[in-house]
Amino acid sequence: MGVFAICPGAEQAKKQGWTVEQADKIRAAGFSFRFFGVNR
């Protein structure tokens, strides 16, 4: 897509057990790592 940032849902990522290592892999590939739905 040519995006600069990847922004998964925070609730889903936490529920799926996503770790900082997974976010770091996305960052290492050159993307900004962000979250949507940080509502608590």
PDB file of all heavy atoms in Angstrom:
ATOM      1  N   MET A   1       0.813  -1.220   0.000  1.00  0.00           N
ATOM      2  CA  MET A   1       0.000   0.000   0.000  1.00  0.00           C
ATOM      3  C   MET A   1       0.846   1.270   0.000  1.00  0.00           C
ATOM      4  O   MET A   1       0.347   2.339  -0.308  1.00  0.00           O
ATOM      5  CB  MET A   1      -0.908   0.026   1.235  1.00  0.00           C
ATOM      6  CG  MET A   1      -2.000  -1.005   1.207  1.00  0.00           C
ATOM      7  SD  MET A   1      -3.011  -0.890   2.699  1.00  0.00           S
ATOM      8  CE  MET A   1      -1.970  -1.720   3.888  1.00  0.00           C
ATOM      9  N   GLY A   2       2.098   1.155   0.417  1.00  0.00           N
ATOM     10  CA  GLY A   2       2.957   2.334   0.502  1.00  0.00           C
ATOM     11  C   GLY A   2       2.695   3.191   1.727  1.00  0.00           C
ATOM     12  O   GLY A   2       2.975   4.388   1.723  1.00  0.00           O
ATOM     13  N   VAL A   3       2.184   2.581   2.794  1.00  0.00           N
ATOM     14  CA  VAL A   3       1.874   3.337   4.011  1.00  0.00           C
ATOM     15  C   VAL A   3       3.138   3.621   4.817  1.00  0.00           C
ATOM     16  O   VAL A   3       4.138   2.928   4.691  1.00  0.00           O
ATOM     17  CB  VAL A   3       0.839   2.600   4.895  1.00  0.00           C
ATOM     18  CG1 VAL A   3      -0.462   2.386   4.148  1.00  0.00           C
ATOM     19  CG2 VAL A   3       1.370   1.283   5.436  1.00  0.00           C
ATOM     20  N   PHE A   4       3.055   4.641   5.676  1.00  0.00           N
ATOM     21  CA  PHE A   4       4.168   4.924   6.574  1.00  0.00           C
ATOM     22  C   PHE A   4       3.931   4.332   7.961  1.00  0.00           C
ATOM     23  O   PHE A   4       4.859   4.165   8.737  1.00  0.00           O
ATOM     24  CB  PHE A   4       4.439   6.439   6.675  1.00  0.00           C
ATOM     25  CG  PHE A   4       3.680   7.125   7.774  1.00  0.00           C
ATOM     26  CD1 PHE A   4       4.279   7.414   8.989  1.00  0.00           C
ATOM     27  CD2 PHE A   4       2.351   7.488   7.606  1.00  0.00           C
ATOM     28  CE1 PHE A   4       3.581   8.042  10.003  1.00  0.00           C
ATOM     29  CE2 PHE A   4       1.648   8.116   8.606  1.00  0.00           C
ATOM     30  CZ  PHE A   4       2.267   8.398   9.813  1.00  0.00           C
ATOM     31  N   ALA A   5       2.663   4.008   8.268  1.00  0.00           N
ATOM     32  CA  ALA A   5       2.340   3.527   9.608  1.00  0.00           C
ATOM     33  C   ALA A   5       1.341   2.381   9.557  1.00  0.00           C
ATOM     34  O   ALA A   5       0.449   2.348   8.715  1.00  0.00           O
ATOM     35  CB  ALA A   5       1.765   4.660  10.451  1.00  0.00           C
ATOM     36  N   ILE A   6       1.513   1.467  10.514  1.00  0.00           N
ATOM     37  CA  ILE A   6       0.595   0.347  10.705  1.00  0.00           C
ATOM     38  C   ILE A   6      -0.014   0.514  12.089  1.00  0.00           C
ATOM     39  O   ILE A   6       0.697   0.718  13.075  1.00  0.00           O
ATOM     40  CB  ILE A   6       1.324  -0.995  10.543  1.00  0.00           C
ATOM     41  CG1 ILE A   6       1.799  -1.129   9.084  1.00  0.00           C
ATOM     42  CG2 ILE A   6       0.431  -2.161  10.968  1.00  0.00           C
ATOM     43  CD1 ILE A   6       2.635  -2.342   8.783  1.00  0.00           C
ATOM     44  N   CYS A   7      -1.341   0.424  12.135  1.00  0.00           N
ATOM     45  CA  CYS A   7      -2.072   0.791  13.342  1.00  0.00           C
ATOM     46  C   CYS A   7      -3.136  -0.268  13.663  1.00  0.00           C
ATOM     47  O   CYS A   7      -4.286  -0.144  13.268  1.00  0.00           O
ATOM     48  CB  CYS A   7      -2.708   2.162  13.113  1.00  0.00           C
ATOM     49  SG  CYS A   7      -3.525   2.885  14.538  1.00  0.00           S
ATOM     50  N   PRO A   8      -2.737  -1.337  14.378  1.00  0.00           N
ATOM     51  CA  PRO A   8      -3.735  -2.340  14.755  1.00  0.00           C
ATOM     52  C   PRO A   8      -4.589  -1.870  15.937  1.00  0.00           C
ATOM     53  O   PRO A   8      -4.241  -0.922  16.635  1.00  0.00           O
ATOM     54  CB  PRO A   8      -2.882  -3.554  15.149  1.00  0.00           C
ATOM     55  CG  PRO A   8      -1.569  -2.989  15.543  1.00  0.00           C
ATOM     56  CD  PRO A   8      -1.388  -1.714  14.770  1.00  0.00           C
ATOM     57  N   GLY A   9      -5.688  -2.586  16.149  1.00  0.00           N
ATOM     58  CA  GLY A   9      -6.538  -2.319  17.297  1.00  0.00           C
ATOM     59  C   GLY A   9      -5.855  -2.768  18.576  1.00  0.00           C
ATOM     60  O   GLY A   9      -5.379  -3.902  18.669  1.00  0.00           O
ATOM     61  N   ALA A  10      -5.802  -1.903  19.563  1.00  0.00           N
ATOM     62  CA  ALA A  10      -5.122  -2.208  20.828  1.00  0.00           C
ATOM     63  C   ALA A  10      -5.786  -3.379  21.557  1.00  0.00           C
ATOM     64  O   ALA A  10      -5.101  -4.285  22.039  1.00  0.00           O
ATOM     65  CB  ALA A  10      -5.089  -0.973  21.721  1.00  0.00           C
ATOM     66  N   GLU A  11      -7.104  -3.356  21.637  1.00  0.00           N
ATOM     67  CA  GLU A  11      -7.817  -4.420  22.366  1.00  0.00           C
ATOM     68  C   GLU A  11      -7.550  -5.779  21.725  1.00  0.00           C
ATOM     69  O   GLU A  11      -7.269  -6.751  22.421  1.00  0.00           O
ATOM     70  CB  GLU A  11      -9.328  -4.139  22.381  1.00  0.00           C
ATOM     71  CG  GLU A  11      -9.726  -2.912  23.172  1.00  0.00           C
ATOM     72  CD  GLU A  11      -9.919  -3.164  24.662  1.00  0.00           C
ATOM     73  OE1 GLU A  11      -9.863  -4.333  25.106  1.00  0.00           O
ATOM     74  OE2 GLU A  11     -10.132  -2.174  25.380  1.00  0.00           O
ATOM     75  N   GLN A  12      -7.629  -5.835  20.378  1.00  0.00           N
ATOM     76  CA  GLN A  12      -7.396  -7.103  19.681  1.00  0.00           C
ATOM     77  C   GLN A  12      -5.955  -7.571  19.861  1.00  0.00           C
ATOM     78  O   GLN A  12      -5.703  -8.754  20.095  1.00  0.00           O
ATOM     79  CB  GLN A  12      -7.693  -6.958  18.195  1.00  0.00           C
ATOM     80  CG  GLN A  12      -9.143  -6.752  17.880  1.00  0.00           C
ATOM     81  CD  GLN A  12      -9.348  -6.423  16.403  1.00  0.00           C
ATOM     82  OE1 GLN A  12      -8.472  -5.897  15.736  1.00  0.00           O
ATOM     83  NE2 GLN A  12     -10.524  -6.751  15.904  1.00  0.00           N
ATOM     84  N   ALA A  13      -5.013  -6.653  19.728  1.00  0.00           N
ATOM     85  CA  ALA A  13      -3.599  -7.024  19.850  1.00  0.00           C
ATOM     86  C   ALA A  13      -3.315  -7.584  21.244  1.00  0.00           C
ATOM     87  O   ALA A  13      -2.640  -8.611  21.381  1.00  0.00           O
ATOM     88  CB  ALA A  13      -2.709  -5.823  19.557  1.00  0.00           C
ATOM     89  N   LYS A  14      -3.842  -6.930  22.262  1.00  0.00           N
ATOM     90  CA  LYS A  14      -3.623  -7.409  23.635  1.00  0.00           C
ATOM     91  C   LYS A  14      -4.267  -8.781  23.826  1.00  0.00           C
ATOM     92  O   LYS A  14      -3.654  -9.688  24.383  1.00  0.00           O
ATOM     93  CB  LYS A  14      -4.178  -6.409  24.648  1.00  0.00           C
ATOM     94  CG  LYS A  14      -3.816  -6.746  26.094  1.00  0.00           C
ATOM     95  CD  LYS A  14      -4.214  -5.612  27.002  1.00  0.00           C
ATOM     96  CE  LYS A  14      -3.714  -5.704  28.405  1.00  0.00           C
ATOM     97  NZ  LYS A  14      -3.659  -6.963  29.058  1.00  0.00           N
ATOM     98  N   LYS A  15      -5.484  -8.925  23.338  1.00  0.00           N
ATOM     99  CA  LYS A  15      -6.203 -10.200  23.457  1.00  0.00           C
ATOM    100  C   LYS A  15      -5.452 -11.329  22.742  1.00  0.00           C
ATOM    101  O   LYS A  15      -5.449 -12.472  23.198  1.00  0.00           O
ATOM    102  CB  LYS A  15      -7.611 -10.047  22.873  1.00  0.00           C
ATOM    103  CG  LYS A  15      -8.531 -11.188  23.159  1.00  0.00           C
ATOM    104  CD  LYS A  15      -9.927 -10.861  22.624  1.00  0.00           C
ATOM    105  CE  LYS A  15     -10.941 -11.821  23.153  1.00  0.00           C
ATOM    106  NZ  LYS A  15     -12.289 -11.507  22.672  1.00  0.00           N
ATOM    107  N   GLN A  16      -4.816 -11.009  21.622  1.00  0.00           N
ATOM    108  CA  GLN A  16      -4.064 -12.012  20.854  1.00  0.00           C
ATOM    109  C   GLN A  16      -2.655 -12.231  21.393  1.00  0.00           C
ATOM    110  O   GLN A  16      -1.900 -13.036  20.862  1.00  0.00           O
ATOM    111  CB  GLN A  16      -3.989 -11.604  19.378  1.00  0.00           C
ATOM    112  CG  GLN A  16      -5.333 -11.561  18.691  1.00  0.00           C
ATOM    113  CD  GLN A  16      -6.051 -12.901  18.721  1.00  0.00           C
ATOM    114  OE1 GLN A  16      -5.453 -13.958  18.573  1.00  0.00           O
ATOM    115  NE2 GLN A  16      -7.355 -12.863  18.946  1.00  0.00           N
ATOM    116  N   GLY A  17      -2.288 -11.492  22.443  1.00  0.00           N
ATOM    117  CA  GLY A  17      -0.983 -11.683  23.064  1.00  0.00           C
ATOM    118  C   GLY A  17       0.180 -11.043  22.316  1.00  0.00           C
ATOM    119  O   GLY A  17       1.327 -11.470  22.453  1.00  0.00           O
ATOM    120  N   TRP A  18      -0.112 -10.005  21.538  1.00  0.00           N
ATOM    121  CA  TRP A  18       0.971  -9.322  20.827  1.00  0.00           C
ATOM    122  C   TRP A  18       1.948  -8.735  21.838  1.00  0.00           C
ATOM    123  O   TRP A  18       1.547  -8.201  22.869  1.00  0.00           O
ATOM    124  CB  TRP A  18       0.409  -8.232  19.934  1.00  0.00           C
ATOM    125  CG  TRP A  18       0.017  -8.734  18.578  1.00  0.00           C
ATOM    126  CD1 TRP A  18      -0.794  -9.813  18.323  1.00  0.00           C
ATOM    127  CD2 TRP A  18       0.423  -8.218  17.325  1.00  0.00           C
ATOM    128  NE1 TRP A  18      -0.915  -9.973  16.961  1.00  0.00           N
ATOM    129  CE2 TRP A  18      -0.180  -9.002  16.327  1.00  0.00           C
ATOM    130  CE3 TRP A  18       1.224  -7.154  16.952  1.00  0.00           C
ATOM    131  CZ2 TRP A  18       0.009  -8.758  14.979  1.00  0.00           C
ATOM    132  CZ3 TRP A  18       1.405  -6.903  15.603  1.00  0.00           C
ATOM    133  CH2 TRP A  18       0.806  -7.715  14.633  1.00  0.00           C
ATOM    134  N   THR A  19       3.228  -8.842  21.513  1.00  0.00           N
ATOM    135  CA  THR A  19       4.302  -8.368  22.391  1.00  0.00           C
ATOM    136  C   THR A  19       5.075  -7.246  21.723  1.00  0.00           C
ATOM    137  O   THR A  19       4.947  -7.016  20.517  1.00  0.00           O
ATOM    138  CB  THR A  19       5.278  -9.511  22.713  1.00  0.00           C
ATOM    139  OG1 THR A  19       5.921  -9.906  21.488  1.00  0.00           O
ATOM    140  CG2 THR A  19       4.560 -10.696  23.352  1.00  0.00           C
ATOM    141  N   VAL A  20       5.916  -6.590  22.502  1.00  0.00           N
ATOM    142  CA  VAL A  20       6.729  -5.504  21.970  1.00  0.00           C
ATOM    143  C   VAL A  20       7.661  -6.018  20.867  1.00  0.00           C
ATOM    144  O   VAL A  20       7.995  -5.269  19.939  1.00  0.00           O
ATOM    145  CB  VAL A  20       7.489  -4.771  23.093  1.00  0.00           C
ATOM    146  CG1 VAL A  20       8.606  -5.636  23.671  1.00  0.00           C
ATOM    147  CG2 VAL A  20       8.029  -3.434  22.602  1.00  0.00           C
ATOM    148  N   GLU A  21       8.029  -7.278  20.919  1.00  0.00           N
ATOM    149  CA  GLU A  21       8.884  -7.838  19.859  1.00  0.00           C
ATOM    150  C   GLU A  21       8.160  -7.820  18.505  1.00  0.00           C
ATOM    151  O   GLU A  21       8.784  -7.580  17.466  1.00  0.00           O
ATOM    152  CB  GLU A  21       9.333  -9.261  20.207  1.00  0.00           C
ATOM    153  CG  GLU A  21      10.350  -9.337  21.338  1.00  0.00           C
ATOM    154  CD  GLU A  21       9.732  -9.194  22.732  1.00  0.00           C
ATOM    155  OE1 GLU A  21       8.509  -9.408  22.896  1.00  0.00           O
ATOM    156  OE2 GLU A  21      10.484  -8.823  23.662  1.00  0.00           O
ATOM    157  N   GLN A  22       6.871  -8.073  18.519  1.00  0.00           N
ATOM    158  CA  GLN A  22       6.110  -8.017  17.271  1.00  0.00           C
ATOM    159  C   GLN A  22       6.017  -6.580  16.755  1.00  0.00           C
ATOM    160  O   GLN A  22       6.180  -6.332  15.555  1.00  0.00           O
ATOM    161  CB  GLN A  22       4.727  -8.641  17.464  1.00  0.00           C
ATOM    162  CG  GLN A  22       4.817 -10.159  17.615  1.00  0.00           C
ATOM    163  CD  GLN A  22       3.557 -10.749  18.191  1.00  0.00           C
ATOM    164  OE1 GLN A  22       3.155 -10.395  19.289  1.00  0.00           O
ATOM    165  NE2 GLN A  22       2.939 -11.643  17.435  1.00  0.00           N
ATOM    166  N   ALA A  23       5.791  -5.641  17.666  1.00  0.00           N
ATOM    167  CA  ALA A  23       5.765  -4.230  17.274  1.00  0.00           C
ATOM    168  C   ALA A  23       7.145  -3.800  16.767  1.00  0.00           C
ATOM    169  O   ALA A  23       7.248  -3.076  15.774  1.00  0.00           O
ATOM    170  CB  ALA A  23       5.326  -3.371  18.450  1.00  0.00           C
ATOM    171  N   ASP A  24       8.192  -4.265  17.434  1.00  0.00           N
ATOM    172  CA  ASP A  24       9.561  -3.921  17.012  1.00  0.00           C
ATOM    173  C   ASP A  24       9.861  -4.442  15.604  1.00  0.00           C
ATOM    174  O   ASP A  24      10.567  -3.792  14.837  1.00  0.00           O
ATOM    175  CB  ASP A  24      10.597  -4.487  17.996  1.00  0.00           C
ATOM    176  CG  ASP A  24      10.669  -3.706  19.292  1.00  0.00           C
ATOM    177  OD1 ASP A  24      10.163  -2.561  19.340  1.00  0.00           O
ATOM    178  OD2 ASP A  24      11.237  -4.250  20.259  1.00  0.00           O
ATOM    179  N   LYS A  25       9.334  -5.600  15.269  1.00  0.00           N
ATOM    180  CA  LYS A  25       9.549  -6.152  13.929  1.00  0.00           C
ATOM    181  C   LYS A  25       8.926  -5.238  12.873  1.00  0.00           C
ATOM    182  O   LYS A  25       9.526  -5.000  11.813  1.00  0.00           O
ATOM    183  CB  LYS A  25       8.963  -7.563  13.837  1.00  0.00           C
ATOM    184  CG  LYS A  25       9.309  -8.258  12.534  1.00  0.00           C
ATOM    185  CD  LYS A  25       8.966  -9.728  12.588  1.00  0.00           C
ATOM    186  CE  LYS A  25       9.547 -10.418  11.357  1.00  0.00           C
ATOM    187  NZ  LYS A  25       9.344 -11.847  11.390  1.00  0.00           N
ATOM    188  N   ILE A  26       7.757  -4.721  13.171  1.00  0.00           N
ATOM    189  CA  ILE A  26       7.091  -3.790  12.249  1.00  0.00           C
ATOM    190  C   ILE A  26       7.902  -2.502  12.140  1.00  0.00           C
ATOM    191  O   ILE A  26       8.126  -1.991  11.041  1.00  0.00           O
ATOM    192  CB  ILE A  26       5.638  -3.543  12.701  1.00  0.00           C
ATOM    193  CG1 ILE A  26       4.815  -4.828  12.476  1.00  0.00           C
ATOM    194  CG2 ILE A  26       5.018  -2.345  11.974  1.00  0.00           C
ATOM    195  CD1 ILE A  26       3.442  -4.823  13.104  1.00  0.00           C
ATOM    196  N   ARG A  27       8.378  -2.003  13.281  1.00  0.00           N
ATOM    197  CA  ARG A  27       9.210  -0.793  13.257  1.00  0.00           C
ATOM    198  C   ARG A  27      10.516  -1.032  12.499  1.00  0.00           C
ATOM    199  O   ARG A  27      10.955  -0.182  11.719  1.00  0.00           O
ATOM    200  CB  ARG A  27       9.501  -0.316  14.679  1.00  0.00           C
ATOM    201  CG  ARG A  27       8.373   0.456  15.317  1.00  0.00           C
ATOM    202  CD  ARG A  27       8.804   1.070  16.642  1.00  0.00           C
ATOM    203  NE  ARG A  27       8.817   0.086  17.702  1.00  0.00           N
ATOM    204  CZ  ARG A  27       7.751  -0.231  18.444  1.00  0.00           C
ATOM    205  NH1 ARG A  27       6.601   0.363  18.242  1.00  0.00           N
ATOM    206  NH2 ARG A  27       7.832  -1.133  19.388  1.00  0.00           N
ATOM    207  N   ALA A  28      11.123  -2.187  12.704  1.00  0.00           N
ATOM    208  CA  ALA A  28      12.387  -2.509  12.029  1.00  0.00           C
ATOM    209  C   ALA A  28      12.212  -2.569  10.511  1.00  0.00           C
ATOM    210  O   ALA A  28      13.176  -2.356   9.771  1.00  0.00           O
ATOM    211  CB  ALA A  28      12.948  -3.829  12.559  1.00  0.00           C
ATOM    212  N   ALA A  29      10.998  -2.841  10.066  1.00  0.00           N
ATOM    213  CA  ALA A  29      10.708  -2.874   8.625  1.00  0.00           C
ATOM    214  C   ALA A  29      10.487  -1.465   8.068  1.00  0.00           C
ATOM    215  O   ALA A  29      10.227  -1.308   6.879  1.00  0.00           O
ATOM    216  CB  ALA A  29       9.497  -3.752   8.355  1.00  0.00           C
ATOM    217  N   GLY A  30      10.566  -0.453   8.934  1.00  0.00           N
ATOM    218  CA  GLY A  30      10.478   0.931   8.483  1.00  0.00           C
ATOM    219  C   GLY A  30       9.147   1.621   8.695  1.00  0.00           C
ATOM    220  O   GLY A  30       8.937   2.733   8.205  1.00  0.00           O
ATOM    221  N   PHE A  31       8.254   1.001   9.437  1.00  0.00           N
ATOM    222  CA  PHE A  31       6.932   1.585   9.669  1.00  0.00           C
ATOM    223  C   PHE A  31       6.839   2.194  11.064  1.00  0.00           C
ATOM    224  O   PHE A  31       7.467   1.708  11.998  1.00  0.00           O
ATOM    225  CB  PHE A  31       5.837   0.511   9.554  1.00  0.00           C
ATOM    226  CG  PHE A  31       5.739  -0.118   8.199  1.00  0.00           C
ATOM    227  CD1 PHE A  31       6.344  -1.331   7.945  1.00  0.00           C
ATOM    228  CD2 PHE A  31       5.055   0.520   7.174  1.00  0.00           C
ATOM    229  CE1 PHE A  31       6.268  -1.920   6.696  1.00  0.00           C
ATOM    230  CE2 PHE A  31       4.971  -0.055   5.919  1.00  0.00           C
ATOM    231  CZ  PHE A  31       5.584  -1.274   5.669  1.00  0.00           C
ATOM    232  N   SER A  32       6.009   3.217  11.176  1.00  0.00           N
ATOM    233  CA  SER A  32       5.608   3.701  12.485  1.00  0.00           C
ATOM    234  C   SER A  32       4.592   2.687  13.018  1.00  0.00           C
ATOM    235  O   SER A  32       3.760   2.184  12.260  1.00  0.00           O
ATOM    236  CB  SER A  32       4.958   5.083  12.342  1.00  0.00           C
ATOM    237  OG  SER A  32       4.390   5.508  13.562  1.00  0.00           O
ATOM    238  N   PHE A  33       4.653   2.375  14.321  1.00  0.00           N
ATOM    239  CA  PHE A  33       3.706   1.448  14.941  1.00  0.00           C
ATOM    240  C   PHE A  33       2.812   2.239  15.876  1.00  0.00           C
ATOM    241  O   PHE A  33       3.289   2.898  16.801  1.00  0.00           O
ATOM    242  CB  PHE A  33       4.437   0.346  15.710  1.00  0.00           C
ATOM    243  CG  PHE A  33       3.508  -0.667  16.306  1.00  0.00           C
ATOM    244  CD1 PHE A  33       3.032  -1.728  15.550  1.00  0.00           C
ATOM    245  CD2 PHE A  33       3.086  -0.551  17.626  1.00  0.00           C
ATOM    246  CE1 PHE A  33       2.153  -2.659  16.095  1.00  0.00           C
ATOM    247  CE2 PHE A  33       2.220  -1.479  18.182  1.00  0.00           C
ATOM    248  CZ  PHE A  33       1.751  -2.530  17.406  1.00  0.00           C
ATOM    249  N   ARG A  34       1.506   2.191  15.621  1.00  0.00           N
ATOM    250  CA  ARG A  34       0.525   2.944  16.388  1.00  0.00           C
ATOM    251  C   ARG A  34      -0.623   2.025  16.771  1.00  0.00           C
ATOM    252  O   ARG A  34      -0.709   0.908  16.279  1.00  0.00           O
ATOM    253  CB  ARG A  34       0.013   4.121  15.542  1.00  0.00           C
ATOM    254  CG  ARG A  34       1.147   5.055  15.159  1.00  0.00           C
ATOM    255  CD  ARG A  34       0.768   6.044  14.098  1.00  0.00           C
ATOM    256  NE  ARG A  34       1.895   6.929  13.856  1.00  0.00           N
ATOM    257  CZ  ARG A  34       1.805   8.237  13.725  1.00  0.00           C
ATOM    258  NH1 ARG A  34       0.637   8.830  13.775  1.00  0.00           N
ATOM    259  NH2 ARG A  34       2.882   8.956  13.522  1.00  0.00           N
ATOM    260  N   PHE A  35      -1.522   2.506  17.608  1.00  0.00           N
ATOM    261  CA  PHE A  35      -2.715   1.750  17.978  1.00  0.00           C
ATOM    262  C   PHE A  35      -3.960   2.602  17.772  1.00  0.00           C
ATOM    263  O   PHE A  35      -3.930   3.814  17.970  1.00  0.00           O
ATOM    264  CB  PHE A  35      -2.698   1.349  19.455  1.00  0.00           C
ATOM    265  CG  PHE A  35      -1.980   0.075  19.769  1.00  0.00           C
ATOM    266  CD1 PHE A  35      -1.046   0.034  20.790  1.00  0.00           C
ATOM    267  CD2 PHE A  35      -2.238  -1.095  19.080  1.00  0.00           C
ATOM    268  CE1 PHE A  35      -0.390  -1.145  21.111  1.00  0.00           C
ATOM    269  CE2 PHE A  35      -1.592  -2.281  19.391  1.00  0.00           C
ATOM    270  CZ  PHE A  35      -0.659  -2.294  20.413  1.00  0.00           C
ATOM    271  N   PHE A  36      -5.067   1.941  17.432  1.00  0.00           N
ATOM    272  CA  PHE A  36      -6.365   2.610  17.515  1.00  0.00           C
ATOM    273  C   PHE A  36      -7.150   1.949  18.639  1.00  0.00           C
ATOM    274  O   PHE A  36      -6.845   0.838  19.073  1.00  0.00           O
ATOM    275  CB  PHE A  36      -7.129   2.580  16.180  1.00  0.00           C
ATOM    276  CG  PHE A  36      -7.751   1.258  15.809  1.00  0.00           C
ATOM    277  CD1 PHE A  36      -8.996   0.886  16.292  1.00  0.00           C
ATOM    278  CD2 PHE A  36      -7.090   0.380  14.952  1.00  0.00           C
ATOM    279  CE1 PHE A  36      -9.576  -0.327  15.939  1.00  0.00           C
ATOM    280  CE2 PHE A  36      -7.659  -0.840  14.600  1.00  0.00           C
ATOM    281  CZ  PHE A  36      -8.901  -1.193  15.096  1.00  0.00           C
ATOM    282  N   GLY A  37      -8.137   2.679  19.146  1.00  0.00           N
ATOM    283  CA  GLY A  37      -9.023   2.127  20.170  1.00  0.00           C
ATOM    284  C   GLY A  37      -8.407   2.054  21.553  1.00  0.00           C
ATOM    285  O   GLY A  37      -8.733   1.155  22.326  1.00  0.00           O
ATOM    286  N   VAL A  38      -7.558   2.994  21.893  1.00  0.00           N
ATOM    287  CA  VAL A  38      -6.992   3.042  23.249  1.00  0.00           C
ATOM    288  C   VAL A  38      -7.992   3.835  24.092  1.00  0.00           C
ATOM    289  O   VAL A  38      -7.846   5.033  24.300  1.00  0.00           O
ATOM    290  CB  VAL A  38      -5.579   3.690  23.228  1.00  0.00           C
ATOM    291  CG1 VAL A  38      -5.022   3.810  24.639  1.00  0.00           C
ATOM    292  CG2 VAL A  38      -4.640   2.868  22.352  1.00  0.00           C
ATOM    293  N   ASN A  39      -9.025   3.127  24.541  1.00  0.00           N
ATOM    294  CA  ASN A  39     -10.170   3.781  25.171  1.00  0.00           C
ATOM    295  C   ASN A  39     -10.320   3.484  26.660  1.00  0.00           C
ATOM    296  O   ASN A  39     -11.368   3.754  27.243  1.00  0.00           O
ATOM    297  CB  ASN A  39     -11.460   3.399  24.436  1.00  0.00           C
ATOM    298  CG  ASN A  39     -11.482   3.976  23.040  1.00  0.00           C
ATOM    299  OD1 ASN A  39     -11.006   5.078  22.817  1.00  0.00           O
ATOM    300  ND2 ASN A  39     -12.014   3.220  22.102  1.00  0.00           N
ATOM    301  N   ARG A  40      -9.293   2.926  27.254  1.00  0.00           N
ATOM    302  CA  ARG A  40      -9.288   2.662  28.696  1.00  0.00           C
ATOM    303  C   ARG A  40      -7.867   2.833  29.203  1.00  0.00           C
ATOM    304  O   ARG A  40      -6.900   2.678  28.448  1.00  0.00           O
ATOM    305  CB  ARG A  40      -9.746   1.230  28.997  1.00  0.00           C
ATOM    306  CG  ARG A  40     -11.146   0.907  28.550  1.00  0.00           C
ATOM    307  CD  ARG A  40     -11.597  -0.508  28.925  1.00  0.00           C
ATOM    308  NE  ARG A  40     -10.891  -1.523  28.158  1.00  0.00           N
ATOM    309  CZ  ARG A  40     -10.184  -2.530  28.703  1.00  0.00           C
ATOM    310  NH1 ARG A  40     -10.078  -2.654  30.005  1.00  0.00           N
ATOM    311  NH2 ARG A  40      -9.586  -3.420  27.942  1.00  0.00           N
TER     312      ARG A  40
END
